[in-house]
């Protein structure tokens, strides 16, 4: 390979990345806004592909971020539930851990409800458990939707743990606690 062929090959290989970087620099403000507002869900440039998922409706149903941020230790202590206090405290220091802990509790409560009704699952997946509980009349459509949203947020956290803020984790914990209460209520009314 001659020097001229080498340079031609090198320029051809670096052309699209250089154009992509140049475009990102030139349009950095609009691109940043698209990413921050989560209106851009997918970006593909050559062999590189980036995908963002929108936050689920659960976050809209949960307590507003303003209320969560204003919850100081005295407000948390008035919630009355020691377990909830513990997980909310965890959310302020280790948001990913708080989400994983609440997810584990919700999953455990759902499987306990299914076992109480002698319902066995083919695969043991959370999505299968939610759908089966709904089909068996153990969960309402709203409750099943809430559990599916919680499951999706948990998956997002696994993929991008650094994007989890304490406020977002606190929202998840509060919605998860509501789901736990509903599952416990369904378990108590079980035959």
C-alpha atoms as a PDB file:
ATOM      1  CA  UNK A   1       0.000   0.000   0.000  1.00  0.00           C
ATOM      2  CA  UNK A   2       1.422   3.338  -1.006  1.00  0.00           C
ATOM      3  CA  UNK A   3       1.437   6.413   1.206  1.00  0.00           C
ATOM      4  CA  UNK A   4      -1.200   8.037  -0.994  1.00  0.00           C
ATOM      5  CA  UNK A   5      -3.516   5.010  -0.704  1.00  0.00           C
ATOM      6  CA  UNK A   6      -2.964   4.936   3.057  1.00  0.00           C
ATOM      7  CA  UNK A   7      -3.879   8.625   3.406  1.00  0.00           C
ATOM      8  CA  UNK A   8      -6.948   8.173   1.186  1.00  0.00           C
ATOM      9  CA  UNK A   9      -8.122   5.205   3.262  1.00  0.00           C
ATOM     10  CA  UNK A  10      -7.473   7.088   6.498  1.00  0.00           C
ATOM     11  CA  UNK A  11      -9.418  10.159   5.342  1.00  0.00           C
ATOM     12  CA  UNK A  12     -12.305   7.989   4.131  1.00  0.00           C
ATOM     13  CA  UNK A  13     -12.434   6.187   7.478  1.00  0.00           C
ATOM     14  CA  UNK A  14     -12.409   9.381   9.511  1.00  0.00           C
ATOM     15  CA  UNK A  15     -14.778  11.427   7.339  1.00  0.00           C
ATOM     16  CA  UNK A  16     -18.127  10.536   8.938  1.00  0.00           C
ATOM     17  CA  UNK A  17     -16.866  10.736  12.552  1.00  0.00           C
ATOM     18  CA  UNK A  18     -15.354  14.153  11.848  1.00  0.00           C
ATOM     19  CA  UNK A  19     -18.620  15.378  10.326  1.00  0.00           C
ATOM     20  CA  UNK A  20     -20.598  13.941  13.269  1.00  0.00           C
ATOM     21  CA  UNK A  21     -18.345  15.594  15.843  1.00  0.00           C
ATOM     22  CA  UNK A  22     -18.461  18.858  13.917  1.00  0.00           C
ATOM     23  CA  UNK A  23     -22.267  18.730  13.794  1.00  0.00           C
ATOM     24  CA  UNK A  24     -22.459  17.999  17.521  1.00  0.00           C
ATOM     25  CA  UNK A  25     -20.200  20.953  18.267  1.00  0.00           C
ATOM     26  CA  UNK A  26     -22.107  23.262  15.922  1.00  0.00           C
ATOM     27  CA  UNK A  27     -25.526  22.214  17.244  1.00  0.00           C
ATOM     28  CA  UNK A  28     -24.576  21.446  20.854  1.00  0.00           C
ATOM     29  CA  UNK A  29     -27.276  23.649  22.412  1.00  0.00           C
ATOM     30  CA  UNK A  30     -30.249  22.158  20.502  1.00  0.00           C
ATOM     31  CA  UNK A  31     -28.868  18.620  20.913  1.00  0.00           C
ATOM     32  CA  UNK A  32     -28.387  19.146  24.666  1.00  0.00           C
ATOM     33  CA  UNK A  33     -31.973  20.426  24.928  1.00  0.00           C
ATOM     34  CA  UNK A  34     -33.301  17.392  23.038  1.00  0.00           C
ATOM     35  CA  UNK A  35     -31.435  15.031  25.338  1.00  0.00           C
ATOM     36  CA  UNK A  36     -32.357  16.819  28.570  1.00  0.00           C
ATOM     37  CA  UNK A  37     -36.044  17.083  27.635  1.00  0.00           C
ATOM     38  CA  UNK A  38     -35.980  13.461  26.485  1.00  0.00           C
ATOM     39  CA  UNK A  39     -37.697  14.348  23.222  1.00  0.00           C
ATOM     40  CA  UNK A  40     -34.883  12.631  21.351  1.00  0.00           C
ATOM     41  CA  UNK A  41     -35.316   8.913  21.849  1.00  0.00           C
ATOM     42  CA  UNK A  42     -32.879   7.464  19.372  1.00  0.00           C
ATOM     43  CA  UNK A  43     -29.811   8.690  17.515  1.00  0.00           C
ATOM     44  CA  UNK A  44     -27.856   6.746  14.919  1.00  0.00           C
ATOM     45  CA  UNK A  45     -24.695   7.925  13.203  1.00  0.00           C
ATOM     46  CA  UNK A  46     -22.807   5.352  11.185  1.00  0.00           C
ATOM     47  CA  UNK A  47     -22.208   2.254  13.311  1.00  0.00           C
ATOM     48  CA  UNK A  48     -22.875   4.175  16.566  1.00  0.00           C
ATOM     49  CA  UNK A  49     -26.399   4.115  17.944  1.00  0.00           C
ATOM     50  CA  UNK A  50     -27.679   5.733  21.144  1.00  0.00           C
ATOM     51  CA  UNK A  51     -31.185   5.217  22.542  1.00  0.00           C
ATOM     52  CA  UNK A  52     -32.936   6.997  25.421  1.00  0.00           C
ATOM     53  CA  UNK A  53     -36.191   5.811  26.928  1.00  0.00           C
ATOM     54  CA  UNK A  54     -38.816   8.251  28.110  1.00  0.00           C
ATOM     55  CA  UNK A  55     -39.596   8.188  31.785  1.00  0.00           C
ATOM     56  CA  UNK A  56     -42.743   6.220  32.450  1.00  0.00           C
ATOM     57  CA  UNK A  57     -46.079   7.615  33.490  1.00  0.00           C
ATOM     58  CA  UNK A  58     -45.412   6.373  37.003  1.00  0.00           C
ATOM     59  CA  UNK A  59     -43.173   9.357  37.606  1.00  0.00           C
ATOM     60  CA  UNK A  60     -46.048  11.650  36.649  1.00  0.00           C
ATOM     61  CA  UNK A  61     -48.381   9.831  39.048  1.00  0.00           C
ATOM     62  CA  UNK A  62     -45.884   9.986  41.898  1.00  0.00           C
ATOM     63  CA  UNK A  63     -45.228  12.918  44.163  1.00  0.00           C
ATOM     64  CA  UNK A  64     -43.834  15.928  42.319  1.00  0.00           C
ATOM     65  CA  UNK A  65     -40.086  16.408  42.545  1.00  0.00           C
ATOM     66  CA  UNK A  66     -40.648  19.650  44.402  1.00  0.00           C
ATOM     67  CA  UNK A  67     -42.471  17.845  47.205  1.00  0.00           C
ATOM     68  CA  UNK A  68     -39.883  15.087  47.353  1.00  0.00           C
ATOM     69  CA  UNK A  69     -36.975  17.557  47.513  1.00  0.00           C
ATOM     70  CA  UNK A  70     -38.691  19.430  50.326  1.00  0.00           C
ATOM     71  CA  UNK A  71     -39.059  16.263  52.407  1.00  0.00           C
ATOM     72  CA  UNK A  72     -36.508  16.754  55.127  1.00  0.00           C
ATOM     73  CA  UNK A  73     -35.789  14.325  57.924  1.00  0.00           C
ATOM     74  CA  UNK A  74     -38.580  15.648  60.144  1.00  0.00           C
ATOM     75  CA  UNK A  75     -41.130  15.194  57.364  1.00  0.00           C
ATOM     76  CA  UNK A  76     -39.885  11.681  56.623  1.00  0.00           C
ATOM     77  CA  UNK A  77     -40.205  10.748  60.280  1.00  0.00           C
ATOM     78  CA  UNK A  78     -43.869  11.806  60.247  1.00  0.00           C
ATOM     79  CA  UNK A  79     -44.666   9.259  57.558  1.00  0.00           C
ATOM     80  CA  UNK A  80     -44.984   6.711  60.345  1.00  0.00           C
ATOM     81  CA  UNK A  81     -43.690   3.647  58.514  1.00  0.00           C
ATOM     82  CA  UNK A  82     -40.171   2.746  59.695  1.00  0.00           C
ATOM     83  CA  UNK A  83     -39.468   0.676  56.577  1.00  0.00           C
ATOM     84  CA  UNK A  84     -40.511   3.556  54.316  1.00  0.00           C
ATOM     85  CA  UNK A  85     -38.348   5.945  56.338  1.00  0.00           C
ATOM     86  CA  UNK A  86     -35.377   3.601  55.942  1.00  0.00           C
ATOM     87  CA  UNK A  87     -35.760   3.264  52.166  1.00  0.00           C
ATOM     88  CA  UNK A  88     -36.352   7.003  51.659  1.00  0.00           C
ATOM     89  CA  UNK A  89     -33.210   7.704  53.663  1.00  0.00           C
ATOM     90  CA  UNK A  90     -31.373   5.208  51.455  1.00  0.00           C
ATOM     91  CA  UNK A  91     -32.764   7.014  48.376  1.00  0.00           C
ATOM     92  CA  UNK A  92     -31.107  10.249  49.435  1.00  0.00           C
ATOM     93  CA  UNK A  93     -27.651   8.663  49.674  1.00  0.00           C
ATOM     94  CA  UNK A  94     -27.792   5.676  47.347  1.00  0.00           C
ATOM     95  CA  UNK A  95     -30.714   6.157  44.939  1.00  0.00           C
ATOM     96  CA  UNK A  96     -29.998   3.088  42.816  1.00  0.00           C
ATOM     97  CA  UNK A  97     -29.850   0.860  45.889  1.00  0.00           C
ATOM     98  CA  UNK A  98     -33.182   2.252  47.119  1.00  0.00           C
ATOM     99  CA  UNK A  99     -34.870   1.454  43.818  1.00  0.00           C
ATOM    100  CA  UNK A 100     -33.427  -2.040  43.750  1.00  0.00           C
ATOM    101  CA  UNK A 101     -34.501  -2.649  47.372  1.00  0.00           C
ATOM    102  CA  UNK A 102     -38.076  -1.479  46.758  1.00  0.00           C
ATOM    103  CA  UNK A 103     -38.231  -3.469  43.534  1.00  0.00           C
ATOM    104  CA  UNK A 104     -37.156  -6.596  45.417  1.00  0.00           C
ATOM    105  CA  UNK A 105     -39.868  -6.016  48.042  1.00  0.00           C
ATOM    106  CA  UNK A 106     -42.608  -5.477  45.436  1.00  0.00           C
ATOM    107  CA  UNK A 107     -41.542  -8.571  43.506  1.00  0.00           C
ATOM    108  CA  UNK A 108     -41.485 -10.647  46.692  1.00  0.00           C
ATOM    109  CA  UNK A 109     -44.982  -9.471  47.676  1.00  0.00           C
ATOM    110  CA  UNK A 110     -46.378 -10.286  44.225  1.00  0.00           C
ATOM    111  CA  UNK A 111     -44.919 -13.796  44.224  1.00  0.00           C
ATOM    112  CA  UNK A 112     -46.204 -14.321  47.777  1.00  0.00           C
ATOM    113  CA  UNK A 113     -49.703 -13.358  46.600  1.00  0.00           C
ATOM    114  CA  UNK A 114     -49.504 -15.842  43.720  1.00  0.00           C
ATOM    115  CA  UNK A 115     -48.265 -18.629  46.022  1.00  0.00           C
ATOM    116  CA  UNK A 116     -51.148 -17.929  48.425  1.00  0.00           C
ATOM    117  CA  UNK A 117     -53.490 -18.753  45.537  1.00  0.00           C
ATOM    118  CA  UNK A 118     -51.473 -21.815  44.457  1.00  0.00           C
ATOM    119  CA  UNK A 119     -50.611 -20.199  41.152  1.00  0.00           C
ATOM    120  CA  UNK A 120     -47.455 -21.430  39.485  1.00  0.00           C
ATOM    121  CA  UNK A 121     -45.650 -19.576  36.747  1.00  0.00           C
ATOM    122  CA  UNK A 122     -44.108 -21.120  33.683  1.00  0.00           C
ATOM    123  CA  UNK A 123     -40.972 -18.953  33.715  1.00  0.00           C
ATOM    124  CA  UNK A 124     -41.059 -17.017  36.990  1.00  0.00           C
ATOM    125  CA  UNK A 125     -40.626 -13.646  35.288  1.00  0.00           C
ATOM    126  CA  UNK A 126     -41.972 -10.485  36.876  1.00  0.00           C
ATOM    127  CA  UNK A 127     -43.954  -9.533  33.752  1.00  0.00           C
ATOM    128  CA  UNK A 128     -45.482 -13.016  33.685  1.00  0.00           C
ATOM    129  CA  UNK A 129     -46.373 -12.726  37.383  1.00  0.00           C
ATOM    130  CA  UNK A 130     -48.088  -9.361  36.861  1.00  0.00           C
ATOM    131  CA  UNK A 131     -50.087 -10.568  33.865  1.00  0.00           C
ATOM    132  CA  UNK A 132     -51.076 -13.806  35.615  1.00  0.00           C
ATOM    133  CA  UNK A 133     -52.215 -11.956  38.742  1.00  0.00           C
ATOM    134  CA  UNK A 134     -54.327  -9.650  36.565  1.00  0.00           C
ATOM    135  CA  UNK A 135     -55.812 -12.554  34.603  1.00  0.00           C
ATOM    136  CA  UNK A 136     -56.696 -14.324  37.860  1.00  0.00           C
ATOM    137  CA  UNK A 137     -58.433 -11.196  39.185  1.00  0.00           C
ATOM    138  CA  UNK A 138     -55.863 -10.631  41.923  1.00  0.00           C
ATOM    139  CA  UNK A 139     -54.850  -7.251  40.486  1.00  0.00           C
ATOM    140  CA  UNK A 140     -56.884  -4.553  38.798  1.00  0.00           C
ATOM    141  CA  UNK A 141     -55.798  -3.208  35.432  1.00  0.00           C
ATOM    142  CA  UNK A 142     -54.504  -0.057  37.122  1.00  0.00           C
ATOM    143  CA  UNK A 143     -52.458  -2.045  39.620  1.00  0.00           C
ATOM    144  CA  UNK A 144     -51.014  -4.234  36.875  1.00  0.00           C
ATOM    145  CA  UNK A 145     -50.087  -1.145  34.856  1.00  0.00           C
ATOM    146  CA  UNK A 146     -48.427   0.408  37.907  1.00  0.00           C
ATOM    147  CA  UNK A 147     -46.365  -2.745  38.485  1.00  0.00           C
ATOM    148  CA  UNK A 148     -45.336  -2.886  34.811  1.00  0.00           C
ATOM    149  CA  UNK A 149     -44.216   0.761  34.997  1.00  0.00           C
ATOM    150  CA  UNK A 150     -42.207   0.074  38.141  1.00  0.00           C
ATOM    151  CA  UNK A 151     -40.586  -2.876  36.374  1.00  0.00           C
ATOM    152  CA  UNK A 152     -39.686  -0.686  33.372  1.00  0.00           C
ATOM    153  CA  UNK A 153     -38.142   1.997  35.569  1.00  0.00           C
ATOM    154  CA  UNK A 154     -36.098  -0.665  37.357  1.00  0.00           C
ATOM    155  CA  UNK A 155     -34.817  -1.848  33.975  1.00  0.00           C
ATOM    156  CA  UNK A 156     -33.841   1.739  33.123  1.00  0.00           C
ATOM    157  CA  UNK A 157     -31.948   1.994  36.404  1.00  0.00           C
ATOM    158  CA  UNK A 158     -30.027  -1.187  35.620  1.00  0.00           C
ATOM    159  CA  UNK A 159     -29.043   0.211  32.209  1.00  0.00           C
ATOM    160  CA  UNK A 160     -28.130   3.712  33.405  1.00  0.00           C
ATOM    161  CA  UNK A 161     -27.633   3.815  37.176  1.00  0.00           C
ATOM    162  CA  UNK A 162     -25.856   7.181  37.099  1.00  0.00           C
ATOM    163  CA  UNK A 163     -28.970   8.921  35.773  1.00  0.00           C
ATOM    164  CA  UNK A 164     -30.906   8.165  38.955  1.00  0.00           C
ATOM    165  CA  UNK A 165     -31.362  11.182  41.171  1.00  0.00           C
ATOM    166  CA  UNK A 166     -32.373  10.991  44.832  1.00  0.00           C
ATOM    167  CA  UNK A 167     -35.668  12.703  43.979  1.00  0.00           C
ATOM    168  CA  UNK A 168     -36.445  10.175  41.256  1.00  0.00           C
ATOM    169  CA  UNK A 169     -35.546   7.322  43.588  1.00  0.00           C
ATOM    170  CA  UNK A 170     -37.816   8.772  46.273  1.00  0.00           C
ATOM    171  CA  UNK A 171     -40.664   8.901  43.747  1.00  0.00           C
ATOM    172  CA  UNK A 172     -40.067   5.270  42.868  1.00  0.00           C
ATOM    173  CA  UNK A 173     -39.982   4.307  46.544  1.00  0.00           C
ATOM    174  CA  UNK A 174     -43.279   6.074  47.254  1.00  0.00           C
ATOM    175  CA  UNK A 175     -45.025   4.452  44.288  1.00  0.00           C
ATOM    176  CA  UNK A 176     -43.435   1.123  45.210  1.00  0.00           C
ATOM    177  CA  UNK A 177     -44.751   1.489  48.765  1.00  0.00           C
ATOM    178  CA  UNK A 178     -48.236   2.097  47.366  1.00  0.00           C
ATOM    179  CA  UNK A 179     -47.869  -1.069  45.265  1.00  0.00           C
ATOM    180  CA  UNK A 180     -46.698  -2.999  48.357  1.00  0.00           C
ATOM    181  CA  UNK A 181     -49.720  -1.791  50.322  1.00  0.00           C
ATOM    182  CA  UNK A 182     -52.062  -2.879  47.522  1.00  0.00           C
ATOM    183  CA  UNK A 183     -50.407  -6.290  47.263  1.00  0.00           C
ATOM    184  CA  UNK A 184     -50.559  -6.776  51.045  1.00  0.00           C
ATOM    185  CA  UNK A 185     -54.220  -5.809  51.010  1.00  0.00           C
ATOM    186  CA  UNK A 186     -54.919  -8.334  48.254  1.00  0.00           C
ATOM    187  CA  UNK A 187     -53.056 -10.963  50.261  1.00  0.00           C
ATOM    188  CA  UNK A 188     -55.073 -10.223  53.410  1.00  0.00           C
ATOM    189  CA  UNK A 189     -58.360 -10.561  51.513  1.00  0.00           C
ATOM    190  CA  UNK A 190     -57.240 -13.855  49.985  1.00  0.00           C
ATOM    191  CA  UNK A 191     -59.121 -16.987  51.080  1.00  0.00           C
END
